[in-house]
Protein backbone atom coordinates (compact mmCIF):
# COMPACT_ATOMS: atom_id res chain seq x y z
CA MET A 1 -25.49 -7.54 -12.09
CA TRP A 2 -24.97 -7.42 -8.32
CA THR A 3 -28.09 -9.83 -8.29
CA GLU A 4 -26.64 -12.40 -10.60
CA LEU A 5 -23.39 -12.36 -8.67
CA LYS A 6 -24.85 -13.09 -5.58
CA THR A 7 -27.31 -15.66 -6.70
CA LYS A 8 -24.17 -17.26 -8.53
CA ALA A 9 -22.33 -17.23 -5.36
CA ALA A 10 -25.19 -18.86 -3.48
CA SER A 11 -25.06 -21.97 -6.31
CA VAL A 12 -21.42 -22.59 -5.67
CA ASP A 13 -21.53 -21.88 -2.05
CA GLY A 14 -19.53 -25.09 -0.67
CA ARG A 15 -18.00 -26.35 -3.87
CA ALA A 16 -14.53 -27.26 -3.52
CA ILE A 17 -12.02 -25.19 -5.16
CA LEU A 18 -9.79 -28.36 -5.56
CA ASP A 19 -12.52 -29.75 -8.03
CA LEU A 20 -12.39 -27.26 -10.46
CA PHE A 21 -8.71 -27.92 -11.48
CA ASP A 22 -8.17 -29.62 -14.95
CA GLU A 23 -5.47 -29.47 -16.85
CA ALA A 24 -6.63 -26.12 -18.53
CA ARG A 25 -7.62 -24.28 -15.13
CA ALA A 26 -3.84 -23.01 -13.66
CA ASP A 27 -3.51 -21.20 -17.00
CA GLU A 28 -6.92 -20.34 -17.62
CA PHE A 29 -7.20 -18.44 -14.53
CA ALA A 30 -4.04 -16.30 -14.54
CA VAL A 31 -2.53 -13.44 -16.07
CA GLN A 32 1.01 -13.39 -17.11
CA THR A 33 2.79 -10.81 -18.52
CA GLN A 34 6.46 -10.15 -19.89
CA TYR A 35 7.39 -9.63 -15.93
CA MET A 36 5.10 -11.09 -13.70
CA ARG A 37 2.17 -13.70 -13.26
CA PHE A 38 -1.08 -13.51 -11.35
CA ASP A 39 -2.71 -16.59 -10.13
CA TYR A 40 -6.35 -16.55 -9.06
CA SER A 41 -7.22 -20.19 -10.07
CA LYS A 42 -7.02 -21.32 -6.07
CA THR A 43 -10.37 -19.37 -5.72
CA ASN A 44 -14.04 -20.58 -6.37
CA ILE A 45 -14.20 -18.26 -9.36
CA ASP A 46 -15.00 -20.21 -12.44
CA THR A 47 -15.87 -19.34 -16.19
CA ASP A 48 -19.23 -17.92 -15.55
CA THR A 49 -18.21 -15.89 -12.46
CA ARG A 50 -15.67 -14.18 -14.56
CA ALA A 51 -17.89 -13.43 -17.14
CA LEU A 52 -20.30 -12.03 -14.95
CA LEU A 53 -17.44 -10.05 -13.00
CA LEU A 54 -16.15 -8.77 -16.41
CA ALA A 55 -19.68 -7.62 -17.08
CA LEU A 56 -20.02 -5.50 -13.50
CA ALA A 57 -16.80 -3.75 -14.95
CA GLY A 58 -18.16 -3.39 -18.33
CA SER A 59 -21.33 -1.52 -16.71
CA ALA A 60 -19.44 0.40 -14.34
CA ASN A 61 -17.78 1.69 -17.66
CA VAL A 62 -14.52 1.27 -15.92
CA ALA A 63 -12.65 1.41 -19.38
CA ALA A 64 -13.96 4.90 -19.90
CA ARG A 65 -13.29 6.21 -16.51
CA ARG A 66 -9.84 4.80 -16.64
CA ASP A 67 -9.27 6.98 -20.17
CA ALA A 68 -10.79 10.01 -18.39
CA MET A 69 -8.08 9.38 -15.61
CA PHE A 70 -5.05 9.22 -18.22
CA ALA A 71 -6.53 11.92 -20.18
CA GLY A 72 -6.53 14.33 -17.20
CA GLU A 73 -10.18 14.87 -16.39
CA LYS A 74 -11.23 15.89 -13.14
CA ILE A 75 -12.41 12.29 -11.84
CA ASN A 76 -11.67 13.43 -8.19
CA GLU A 77 -15.40 15.16 -8.33
CA THR A 78 -15.41 16.09 -4.62
CA GLU A 79 -12.34 18.14 -4.91
CA GLY A 80 -12.42 19.20 -8.49
CA ARG A 81 -9.07 17.75 -9.58
CA ALA A 82 -7.74 15.52 -11.75
CA VAL A 83 -5.95 12.28 -10.80
CA LEU A 84 -2.46 12.06 -12.62
CA HIS A 85 0.29 10.48 -10.27
CA THR A 86 0.42 8.37 -13.46
CA ALA A 87 2.16 11.38 -15.32
CA LEU A 88 4.92 11.20 -12.70
CA ARG A 89 6.10 8.05 -14.21
CA ASN A 90 5.22 9.23 -17.98
CA LEU A 91 9.21 9.30 -18.99
CA ASP A 92 8.18 9.45 -22.55
CA GLY A 93 7.13 12.95 -21.73
CA GLY A 94 4.22 12.53 -24.14
CA PRO A 95 1.71 15.20 -23.69
CA VAL A 96 -0.71 15.01 -20.71
CA HIS A 97 -3.16 18.25 -20.10
CA VAL A 98 -5.05 19.42 -17.54
CA ASP A 99 -7.16 22.34 -18.16
CA GLY A 100 -5.78 22.71 -21.35
CA GLU A 101 -2.25 22.86 -20.38
CA ASP A 102 0.70 20.24 -20.79
CA VAL A 103 1.97 19.10 -17.41
CA MET A 104 4.83 16.93 -18.60
CA PRO A 105 7.59 19.76 -19.04
CA GLY A 106 7.02 20.83 -15.49
CA VAL A 107 7.13 17.04 -14.35
CA LEU A 108 10.12 16.24 -16.08
CA ASP A 109 11.95 19.67 -15.05
CA THR A 110 11.20 18.55 -11.19
CA LEU A 111 12.51 15.09 -11.93
CA ALA A 112 15.59 16.60 -13.50
CA ARG A 113 16.16 19.05 -10.40
CA MET A 114 15.26 15.90 -8.11
CA GLU A 115 18.36 13.92 -10.03
CA ASP A 116 20.72 17.14 -9.80
CA TYR A 117 19.99 17.41 -6.14
CA ALA A 118 20.31 13.72 -5.33
CA GLY A 119 23.38 13.68 -7.04
CA GLU A 120 25.21 16.65 -5.00
CA VAL A 121 23.96 15.07 -1.80
CA ARG A 122 25.08 11.73 -2.89
CA CYS A 123 28.48 13.06 -3.56
CA SER A 124 28.78 14.93 -0.47
CA ASP A 125 29.58 14.20 3.25
CA ILE A 126 26.01 13.25 3.97
CA THR A 127 25.91 9.98 5.69
CA ASP A 128 22.40 10.20 6.76
CA VAL A 129 19.05 11.21 5.75
CA VAL A 130 15.91 11.95 7.79
CA ASN A 131 12.43 11.93 6.07
CA ILE A 132 9.87 13.41 8.25
CA GLY A 133 6.33 12.96 6.41
CA ILE A 134 3.28 10.99 7.69
CA GLY A 135 0.71 8.91 5.82
CA GLY A 136 1.44 9.05 1.98
CA SER A 137 4.89 11.19 2.86
CA ASP A 138 5.99 8.44 4.75
CA LEU A 139 4.38 4.93 4.09
CA GLY A 140 5.14 4.37 0.50
CA PRO A 141 9.05 5.74 0.61
CA ALA A 142 9.64 3.84 3.50
CA MET A 143 8.58 0.81 2.30
CA ALA A 144 10.34 1.28 -0.81
CA VAL A 145 13.62 2.05 0.65
CA GLN A 146 13.23 -1.09 2.60
CA ALA A 147 12.45 -2.95 -0.01
CA LEU A 148 15.23 -1.77 -2.20
CA SER A 149 17.98 -2.35 0.60
CA PRO A 150 20.06 -4.26 -1.84
CA TYR A 151 20.31 -1.51 -4.23
CA HIS A 152 21.33 0.98 -1.82
CA ASP A 153 24.33 3.02 -2.54
CA GLY A 154 23.91 6.39 -1.10
CA PRO A 155 23.37 7.64 2.71
CA ARG A 156 21.46 5.69 4.92
CA VAL A 157 17.88 6.65 5.26
CA HIS A 158 15.49 6.95 8.27
CA PHE A 159 11.83 7.70 8.60
CA VAL A 160 10.30 9.89 11.17
CA SER A 161 6.07 9.98 11.17
CA ASN A 162 4.69 9.93 14.58
CA VAL A 163 4.04 13.02 16.71
CA ASP A 164 5.43 11.04 19.49
CA GLY A 165 8.29 12.25 20.83
CA ALA A 166 9.92 8.83 21.14
CA HIS A 167 9.81 8.50 17.33
CA ILE A 168 12.11 11.26 16.35
CA ALA A 169 14.34 10.96 19.48
CA ASP A 170 15.22 7.28 19.10
CA THR A 171 15.70 8.24 15.17
CA LEU A 172 18.15 11.23 15.67
CA ARG A 173 19.91 9.27 18.61
CA GLY A 174 23.26 8.27 17.28
CA LEU A 175 23.26 10.29 13.90
CA ASP A 176 25.91 13.08 13.48
CA ALA A 177 24.29 16.35 13.00
CA LYS A 178 26.89 17.54 11.03
CA THR A 179 26.13 15.01 8.26
CA THR A 180 22.67 14.58 8.14
CA LEU A 181 19.78 16.08 5.63
CA VAL A 182 16.65 16.60 7.11
CA ILE A 183 13.75 15.96 4.56
CA VAL A 184 10.66 17.76 5.57
CA ALA A 185 7.73 16.33 3.51
CA SER A 186 4.31 17.99 3.83
CA LYS A 187 2.50 19.57 0.53
CA THR A 188 1.23 22.27 2.43
CA PHE A 189 3.57 22.69 5.09
CA THR A 190 1.19 22.69 7.81
CA THR A 191 0.54 19.16 8.65
CA ILE A 192 0.70 19.08 12.48
CA GLU A 193 2.76 16.11 13.05
CA THR A 194 5.27 16.70 10.51
CA MET A 195 5.94 20.27 11.50
CA THR A 196 6.36 19.28 15.12
CA ASN A 197 9.02 16.88 14.18
CA ALA A 198 10.50 19.27 11.71
CA ARG A 199 11.03 21.86 14.16
CA THR A 200 12.29 19.50 16.86
CA ALA A 201 14.83 18.18 14.25
CA ARG A 202 15.77 21.92 13.56
CA ALA A 203 16.45 22.49 17.10
CA TRP A 204 18.47 19.21 17.31
CA MET A 205 20.77 20.21 14.76
CA GLN A 206 21.26 23.71 16.02
CA ASP A 207 22.18 22.41 19.36
CA HIS A 208 24.51 19.48 17.77
CA GLY A 209 26.44 21.55 15.41
CA GLY A 210 24.65 20.78 12.09
CA ASP A 211 23.49 23.77 9.80
CA PRO A 212 19.99 23.62 9.27
CA GLY A 213 20.04 26.52 6.52
CA ALA A 214 22.15 24.07 4.21
CA GLN A 215 20.93 20.75 5.72
CA PHE A 216 17.08 20.82 5.24
CA ALA A 217 15.12 20.30 2.47
CA ALA A 218 11.40 20.21 1.69
CA LEU A 219 9.02 18.40 -0.38
CA SER A 220 6.20 20.85 -0.59
CA THR A 221 4.29 23.50 -2.59
CA ASN A 222 4.19 25.99 -0.08
CA LEU A 223 7.03 28.54 -0.69
CA GLU A 224 6.35 31.06 1.61
CA LYS A 225 6.21 28.65 4.73
CA THR A 226 8.99 26.58 3.37
CA SER A 227 11.13 30.10 3.12
CA GLU A 228 9.88 31.24 6.78
CA PHE A 229 11.21 27.79 7.90
CA GLY A 230 14.31 28.89 6.75
CA ILE A 231 14.54 26.57 3.58
CA PRO A 232 15.71 28.14 0.23
CA GLU A 233 13.81 27.54 -2.81
CA ALA A 234 16.17 25.84 -4.39
CA ARG A 235 15.92 23.06 -2.15
CA VAL A 236 12.06 22.69 -2.50
CA PHE A 237 10.75 20.28 -4.63
CA GLY A 238 6.75 20.62 -4.96
CA PHE A 239 4.00 18.65 -7.02
CA GLU A 240 0.71 19.22 -8.35
CA ASP A 241 -2.77 19.01 -6.59
CA TRP A 242 -3.68 16.52 -9.11
CA VAL A 243 -1.09 14.18 -7.03
CA GLY A 244 -2.99 12.82 -4.02
CA GLY A 245 -0.77 11.80 -1.04
CA ARG A 246 -0.87 8.08 -1.09
CA TYR A 247 -0.06 7.95 -4.75
CA SER A 248 2.75 10.39 -4.39
CA MET A 249 6.02 8.52 -4.05
CA TRP A 250 6.51 8.73 -8.00
CA GLY A 251 7.44 12.12 -7.59
CA PRO A 252 9.15 14.72 -5.21
CA ILE A 253 8.04 12.84 -2.00
CA GLY A 254 10.06 9.80 -3.55
CA LEU A 255 13.38 11.78 -3.10
CA SER A 256 14.38 9.64 -0.18
CA VAL A 257 14.19 6.59 -2.23
CA MET A 258 16.05 8.49 -4.72
CA LEU A 259 19.06 9.47 -2.68
CA ALA A 260 19.21 5.68 -1.43
CA ILE A 261 19.46 3.85 -4.73
CA GLY A 262 20.61 6.59 -7.09
CA PRO A 263 18.69 8.64 -10.11
CA ASP A 264 19.28 5.90 -12.25
CA GLY A 265 17.32 3.20 -9.95
CA PHE A 266 14.55 5.41 -9.48
CA ARG A 267 13.98 5.92 -13.13
CA ALA A 268 13.65 2.33 -13.12
CA PHE A 269 11.27 2.13 -10.35
CA LEU A 270 9.28 4.78 -12.71
CA ARG A 271 9.71 2.70 -15.72
CA GLY A 272 8.40 -0.43 -13.62
CA GLY A 273 4.96 1.81 -13.20
CA GLN A 274 4.81 2.96 -16.36
CA GLU A 275 4.85 -0.59 -18.07
CA MET A 276 2.34 -1.30 -15.60
CA ASP A 277 0.31 1.76 -16.85
CA ARG A 278 0.58 0.48 -20.47
CA HIS A 279 -0.72 -2.94 -19.67
CA PHE A 280 -3.65 -1.73 -17.72
CA CYS A 281 -4.68 0.84 -20.76
CA ALA A 282 -3.95 -2.00 -23.38
CA ALA A 283 -4.63 -5.27 -22.17
CA GLU A 284 -8.01 -6.32 -22.73
CA GLY A 285 -11.03 -8.21 -20.11
CA ALA A 286 -9.35 -11.23 -18.84
CA GLU A 287 -6.04 -10.38 -19.62
CA ASN A 288 -5.86 -7.13 -18.18
CA MET A 289 -3.93 -8.11 -14.37
CA PRO A 290 -5.19 -5.05 -12.43
CA LEU A 291 -8.78 -5.40 -13.48
CA MET A 292 -8.57 -9.04 -12.69
CA LEU A 293 -6.85 -8.52 -9.24
CA ALA A 294 -9.64 -6.04 -8.57
CA LEU A 295 -12.41 -8.62 -9.83
CA VAL A 296 -11.18 -11.04 -7.29
CA GLY A 297 -11.35 -8.18 -4.74
CA ILE A 298 -15.09 -7.51 -5.73
CA TRP A 299 -16.20 -11.25 -5.70
CA HIS A 300 -14.32 -11.85 -2.31
CA ARG A 301 -15.65 -8.84 -0.47
CA GLN A 302 -18.71 -7.34 -1.83
CA VAL A 303 -20.20 -10.69 -3.34
CA LEU A 304 -19.20 -13.17 -0.76
CA GLY A 305 -18.56 -10.87 2.22
CA HIS A 306 -15.21 -11.51 3.47
CA ALA A 307 -14.64 -8.55 5.75
CA THR A 308 -10.75 -8.84 5.37
CA ARG A 309 -7.78 -9.40 3.21
CA ALA A 310 -4.38 -10.66 4.01
CA VAL A 311 -1.32 -9.36 1.99
CA LEU A 312 1.45 -11.87 2.75
CA PRO A 313 5.03 -11.04 0.76
CA TYR A 314 6.99 -14.00 0.96
CA ASP A 315 10.10 -11.19 1.01
CA GLN A 316 11.45 -9.74 4.19
CA ARG A 317 12.47 -6.85 2.57
CA LEU A 318 8.72 -6.30 1.72
CA GLY A 319 7.83 -6.08 5.37
CA GLN A 320 6.36 -2.85 5.17
CA LEU A 321 4.48 -3.36 2.13
CA PRO A 322 1.02 -4.69 4.12
CA ASP A 323 0.94 -1.52 5.85
CA TYR A 324 1.42 0.73 2.59
CA PHE A 325 -1.38 -1.35 1.03
CA GLN A 326 -3.59 -0.79 3.77
CA GLN A 327 -3.35 3.11 3.73
CA LEU A 328 -3.32 2.72 -0.18
CA GLU A 329 -6.77 0.70 -0.17
CA MET A 330 -8.66 1.60 3.19
CA GLU A 331 -8.01 5.08 3.01
CA SER A 332 -8.91 5.21 -0.93
CA ASN A 333 -12.26 2.73 -0.73
CA GLY A 334 -13.11 2.98 2.88
CA LYS A 335 -16.00 5.22 2.02
CA SER A 336 -20.16 4.89 2.34
CA VAL A 337 -20.98 7.60 0.30
CA THR A 338 -20.97 7.50 -3.63
CA MET A 339 -20.10 9.99 -6.06
CA ASP A 340 -23.31 11.74 -6.26
CA GLY A 341 -24.10 11.99 -2.55
CA GLY A 342 -26.02 8.29 -2.15
CA ALA A 343 -25.10 5.46 -0.03
CA VAL A 344 -22.84 2.73 -1.13
CA PRO A 345 -25.04 0.19 -2.12
CA GLU A 346 -22.77 -2.85 -1.22
CA GLU A 347 -20.02 -2.81 1.36
CA SER A 348 -17.05 -0.81 0.76
CA GLY A 349 -13.54 -1.98 0.86
CA PRO A 350 -12.35 -4.58 2.82
CA VAL A 351 -9.86 -4.38 5.95
CA VAL A 352 -6.52 -4.69 4.90
CA TRP A 353 -3.63 -6.47 6.66
CA GLY A 354 -0.61 -8.75 6.69
CA ALA A 355 3.05 -9.57 7.50
CA PRO A 356 5.99 -11.04 5.54
CA GLY A 357 6.00 -14.86 5.29
CA THR A 358 7.33 -17.00 7.12
CA ASN A 359 6.95 -14.64 10.15
CA GLY A 360 3.34 -14.93 9.73
CA GLN A 361 2.85 -18.28 9.71
CA HIS A 362 3.59 -18.51 13.56
CA ALA A 363 1.47 -15.28 14.46
CA PHE A 364 -1.87 -15.38 12.77
CA TYR A 365 -2.03 -18.12 10.05
CA GLN A 366 -3.54 -20.21 12.74
CA LEU A 367 -6.63 -18.18 12.29
CA ILE A 368 -6.69 -18.02 8.55
CA HIS A 369 -6.37 -21.87 8.48
CA GLN A 370 -8.76 -22.85 11.49
CA GLY A 371 -10.80 -19.62 12.62
CA THR A 372 -14.08 -19.37 11.84
CA SER A 373 -14.01 -16.41 8.94
CA VAL A 374 -12.69 -16.84 5.61
CA ILE A 375 -9.99 -14.53 5.20
CA PRO A 376 -8.70 -14.06 1.31
CA CYS A 377 -5.05 -14.38 1.14
CA GLU A 378 -2.73 -12.62 -1.42
CA PHE A 379 0.64 -13.99 -1.68
CA MET A 380 3.71 -12.84 -3.19
CA VAL A 381 6.96 -14.10 -3.95
CA ALA A 382 9.80 -13.97 -6.24
CA CYS A 383 11.69 -16.61 -8.11
CA GLU A 384 14.99 -15.71 -6.92
CA GLY A 385 16.31 -13.73 -4.21
CA HIS A 386 19.17 -11.39 -3.65
CA GLU A 387 21.75 -13.81 -1.89
CA PRO A 388 22.93 -16.36 -4.43
CA GLU A 389 25.01 -17.90 -1.50
CA LEU A 390 21.86 -18.37 0.37
CA ARG A 391 20.15 -20.18 -2.42
CA HIS A 392 18.62 -22.55 0.14
CA HIS A 393 17.15 -20.05 2.39
CA HIS A 394 15.13 -18.57 -0.59
CA ASP A 395 13.91 -22.10 -1.53
CA LEU A 396 12.48 -22.78 1.50
CA LEU A 397 10.83 -19.70 1.52
CA VAL A 398 9.21 -20.53 -1.71
CA ALA A 399 8.54 -23.78 -0.85
CA ASN A 400 6.54 -22.35 2.33
CA CYS A 401 4.79 -19.63 0.16
CA LEU A 402 3.55 -22.20 -2.25
CA ALA A 403 2.34 -24.97 0.54
CA GLN A 404 0.53 -22.29 2.31
CA SER A 405 -1.73 -21.63 -0.56
CA GLU A 406 -1.97 -25.03 -1.00
CA ALA A 407 -2.99 -25.98 2.21
CA LEU A 408 -5.56 -22.96 2.31
CA MET A 409 -7.33 -24.72 -0.71
CA ARG A 410 -7.37 -28.86 0.23
CA GLY A 411 -7.21 -28.39 3.90
CA ARG A 412 -7.42 -31.81 5.88
CA SER A 413 -10.73 -34.17 6.47
CA LEU A 414 -11.43 -35.77 9.64
CA ASP A 415 -10.28 -39.05 8.31
CA GLU A 416 -7.08 -37.87 7.18
CA ALA A 417 -6.43 -36.33 10.67
CA ARG A 418 -7.71 -39.35 12.54
CA ALA A 419 -5.17 -41.48 9.96
CA LYS A 420 -2.43 -39.04 11.02
CA ILE A 421 -2.73 -39.83 15.20
CA ALA A 422 -4.17 -43.48 14.95
CA ASP A 423 -1.02 -44.97 16.24
CA LYS A 424 -1.26 -42.67 19.10
CA PHE A 425 -4.42 -42.37 20.12
CA GLU A 426 -7.91 -44.45 20.09
CA GLY A 427 -11.45 -44.80 20.98
CA THR A 428 -13.21 -41.36 22.13
CA GLU A 429 -9.77 -39.67 22.58
CA LEU A 430 -8.61 -40.11 19.08
CA GLU A 431 -12.16 -38.49 17.86
CA ARG A 432 -11.23 -35.68 20.09
CA GLN A 433 -7.73 -35.26 18.96
CA ALA A 434 -8.27 -35.72 15.31
CA ALA A 435 -11.10 -32.89 15.54
CA HIS A 436 -8.36 -30.31 16.58
CA ARG A 437 -6.53 -31.54 13.60
CA VAL A 438 -9.13 -30.87 10.95
CA PHE A 439 -8.47 -28.09 8.32
CA ALA A 440 -11.81 -26.72 6.41
CA GLY A 441 -9.60 -26.00 3.42
CA ASN A 442 -11.89 -24.28 0.80
CA ARG A 443 -9.86 -20.97 1.42
CA PRO A 444 -9.09 -18.90 -1.44
CA SER A 445 -5.87 -17.42 -2.27
CA THR A 446 -4.02 -15.49 -5.11
CA THR A 447 -0.36 -15.70 -5.97
CA LEU A 448 1.81 -12.73 -7.48
CA ILE A 449 5.29 -14.15 -8.59
CA TYR A 450 8.07 -12.36 -10.45
CA PRO A 451 11.20 -13.07 -11.33
CA LYS A 452 13.07 -10.91 -8.60
CA LEU A 453 12.35 -7.95 -6.49
CA ASP A 454 14.20 -4.99 -8.15
CA PRO A 455 13.29 -1.24 -8.57
CA PHE A 456 11.56 -2.10 -11.82
CA THR A 457 9.41 -5.06 -10.40
CA LEU A 458 8.42 -3.09 -7.28
CA GLY A 459 7.17 0.05 -9.96
CA GLN A 460 5.13 -2.78 -11.51
CA ILE A 461 3.63 -4.07 -8.31
CA VAL A 462 2.91 -0.73 -6.49
CA ALA A 463 1.36 0.58 -9.78
CA LEU A 464 -0.75 -2.87 -10.22
CA TYR A 465 -2.44 -2.33 -6.54
CA GLU A 466 -3.19 1.53 -8.00
CA HIS A 467 -4.89 0.55 -10.68
CA ARG A 468 -6.75 -2.34 -8.94
CA VAL A 469 -7.89 0.13 -6.35
CA PHE A 470 -8.98 2.62 -8.90
CA VAL A 471 -11.13 -0.16 -10.57
CA GLU A 472 -12.92 -1.10 -7.31
CA GLY A 473 -13.62 2.17 -6.33
CA VAL A 474 -15.26 2.47 -9.65
CA ILE A 475 -17.11 -0.28 -9.51
CA LEU A 476 -18.57 0.20 -6.30
CA GLY A 477 -19.27 4.37 -7.27
CA ILE A 478 -16.83 5.97 -4.99
CA ASN A 479 -14.25 8.44 -5.11
CA SER A 480 -11.12 6.88 -4.33
CA TYR A 481 -8.99 9.94 -4.28
CA ASP A 482 -10.40 11.90 -1.20
CA GLN A 483 -10.10 11.22 2.16
CA TRP A 484 -12.63 13.41 4.45
CA GLY A 485 -12.66 10.54 7.03
CA VAL A 486 -9.37 11.63 8.50
CA GLU A 487 -10.42 15.36 9.17
CA LEU A 488 -12.86 15.11 11.72
CA GLY A 489 -10.28 13.78 14.42
CA LYS A 490 -7.79 16.06 13.41
CA GLU A 491 -10.14 18.73 13.97
CA LEU A 492 -11.02 17.67 17.71
CA ALA A 493 -7.42 16.91 18.32
CA THR A 494 -6.53 20.63 17.65
CA ALA A 495 -9.30 21.69 20.23
CA LEU A 496 -8.32 19.17 22.82
CA GLN A 497 -4.63 20.09 22.68
CA PRO A 498 -5.28 23.21 25.07
CA ILE A 499 -7.46 21.01 27.49
CA VAL A 500 -4.72 18.25 27.43
CA GLU A 501 -2.01 21.13 28.08
CA GLY A 502 -4.29 22.34 31.28
CA GLU A 503 -4.58 25.52 29.58
CA ALA A 504 -8.48 25.19 28.76
CA PRO A 505 -11.83 23.58 30.74
CA ALA A 506 -13.03 20.18 29.42
CA ASP A 507 -16.33 21.48 30.10
CA ASP A 508 -17.83 20.91 26.87
CA LYS A 509 -16.56 17.45 26.48
CA ASP A 510 -17.97 14.04 26.94
CA GLY A 511 -17.92 12.53 30.41
CA SER A 512 -15.61 9.75 29.34
CA THR A 513 -13.26 12.49 27.56
CA GLN A 514 -13.40 14.57 30.94
CA ALA A 515 -12.38 11.59 32.92
CA LEU A 516 -9.52 10.60 31.01
CA VAL A 517 -8.28 14.20 30.99
CA ARG A 518 -8.69 13.97 35.12
CA TYR A 519 -6.63 10.50 34.79
CA LEU A 520 -3.79 12.40 32.60
CA HIS A 521 -3.61 15.56 35.06
CA THR A 522 -3.49 13.33 37.96
CA HIS A 523 -0.96 11.06 36.93
CA ARG A 524 1.81 13.81 35.44
């Protein structure tokens, strides 16, 4: 199927996307649910291409693999685990079995404990919450707390992730230790960055009149370690090994989100994710939004060879969404080995990056419009903002979003560029100046549009992209749910720490590392 797709790509190379438009294309190349619309009509995908992409998904048994995931089968084969973050948002409580045991009673019990605890904290004197975690224990909750700021009615929530002391120092500065709750988010309670920051926070609280015994909570499964740290079991919220870190925001890792927006708001977030799960399991073929989002991605990355993908939310409160999706996609599908241990036959996942509009327009859109590399763009925008008195701001925001996707597709020809400046230049100078104003166009983009960014909608967006990652991983034949690529650097860092501290020689290190260590020691 890959051969057919690449042959198709060669046959449409240079074809103008704009020429594909007729009265039906905008609706025919979009997926719309009750809650949102995904438009991929501004790509070079036509009916035949879509049929080939759907056939590719069929040959990869995406539907069967999806059903296996939801059924609790151990599709994370390298670690021998099920993949059931979806169970955390299964609010109906229908049975989900792993090794013959229904996991839902435990899931719902943990959710109820979280809600009880959140209620206590939100009614207490706590004014600030500091969530200490890294990776999946930080990026998702931090993104969601920022995204849902109009719904905050609880304590202020702060996030510390980097082991750089500046991060925790800057965060704690100005907080009152007596009214601050610290959440330590680490499944194993051994993550070195998180535990280093947690010990610093505990010392700060002790030194400034707080009570760490009463003002610390943990999101972990290691009750022995949390007890040693001084956190009682009543304030420890655990989750199973079938929940991967970057998929864990739906459970205890989302406690900071629940504290910010309340249990009802958090349940709305879960309902949004569950609604997307239902759609993903029920919708057929081209009507399935996660499937089509993934297939558009496959077309751009694996078939056409575009190495990066820009995520461009036109919503300031989604400013951290590109970073969150960066981890979700690159840690999941940045692999070179298939499930059976062979080499991935095609390129693996793209580099994912981006920034909120309209800021990005004044930073990197120059490269997107006129650079030599094609960068597929994924726009997101809400129909309505949260500030009705600033409606004109939102209208301008939406206009910019739509204009950028149109400009990427249309471009500007040399004749058009020449005509715009013919009253200012002439002769060879006109030609020279006009050349700089040409936009090649024919650059693909998609747009996800939804009524309003609320907890339910955010839940749908996150689940949509989770399932997109799943589909792409299945098609590539890789395991999207491990992350062995992070291990080597961690091992080397552990060995390097005593060398950096001057307590061990660097004799076994390469020349570059030795020179850098010498420079470090000389300049301390």
